[in-house]
């Protein structure tokens, strides 16, 4: 179809299934739900290029094609084989995709946590019949018991009880330490749980992290030293995440290496909002870890797996 300018896009927000990308149509005008593996496609209905899919016009005529995946390794999950680029649901709670031998999943159910509050003194998660995801319900109790339970989280004020519409002021903020970065090199994810929000609700929040680039050239250690703790790149760089790049240049510190068997991990960090720009022209912001100091030690992640239980190092002094 011929493109018409200026662009006229639907006023309603785009509603796509979970795990489906929003991509520009062939005119570069409007965002559409990307077509998935095996679905019909066209210039106006492009395939999900974020998942390595392309529109093959050789098998179907009249301007239509079918979404195929570029060559890549298959995935094996519990004995079932999935093709590269194939989306699937192993359970009703997960939407997954196979990408060149690796499986990535997003949760379809909310993973939020709840602390007691005056409006919900006894939160409980319940599974309802014919529903996959559990839902929070608030058990009612006596007025006296209601505030006794909530006071475990809220500051006690002898002059008055906390008002239901003043949660933020009375909230006793509780925040865990950031977890270790999910990757020893390249872009990863770090997470923590906090109730520092207007609802005083315990929720999981994440930030991007990069301990070191995977192709980072290591400098030589100084004479008499066996570790290089926090080297800086010689030139400023742009961060890349999910095909998008940071709008600003950065010259961050990374964790170095040792020659005596020790490993270096982040010790003091800060969290900064970084803006990313995508090829389709979209902008978004994500929190990202910036390293201030690294620690070199023998308490290394076993087999380079930072999620194993033997790894107990933690980061301190973090601030947003």
Foldseek 3Di string as FASTA:
>chain_A
DDDDPPDDDDPDDADDPPPWDFFAALVLHGTHTADAAFDKAASRRAHDVLQQWGFDDPPDDDRIGGIDHDDADWEADPRDIGHRRDWDDPDPQWIWHHHRHDIDIDGPEAPFFFAAALVALDWDWADDPPDDYTDIDGDDDDNVVSQVSRCVFFPDDVVDGDDPQQCQVGGRKDKDFWAFFQAQAAKGKIKIWILNDSNSTTGMDIFIEGQYHPPDDADDDDPPDFADAWDWDPDWDWHDDSQWTFPDTHTATHGHQGDPQWGKGAAEWEKDWTWIAHPSGDIDIGIHIGGDTIDTDNQADPVNGSPDPSRDHGHDNYYD
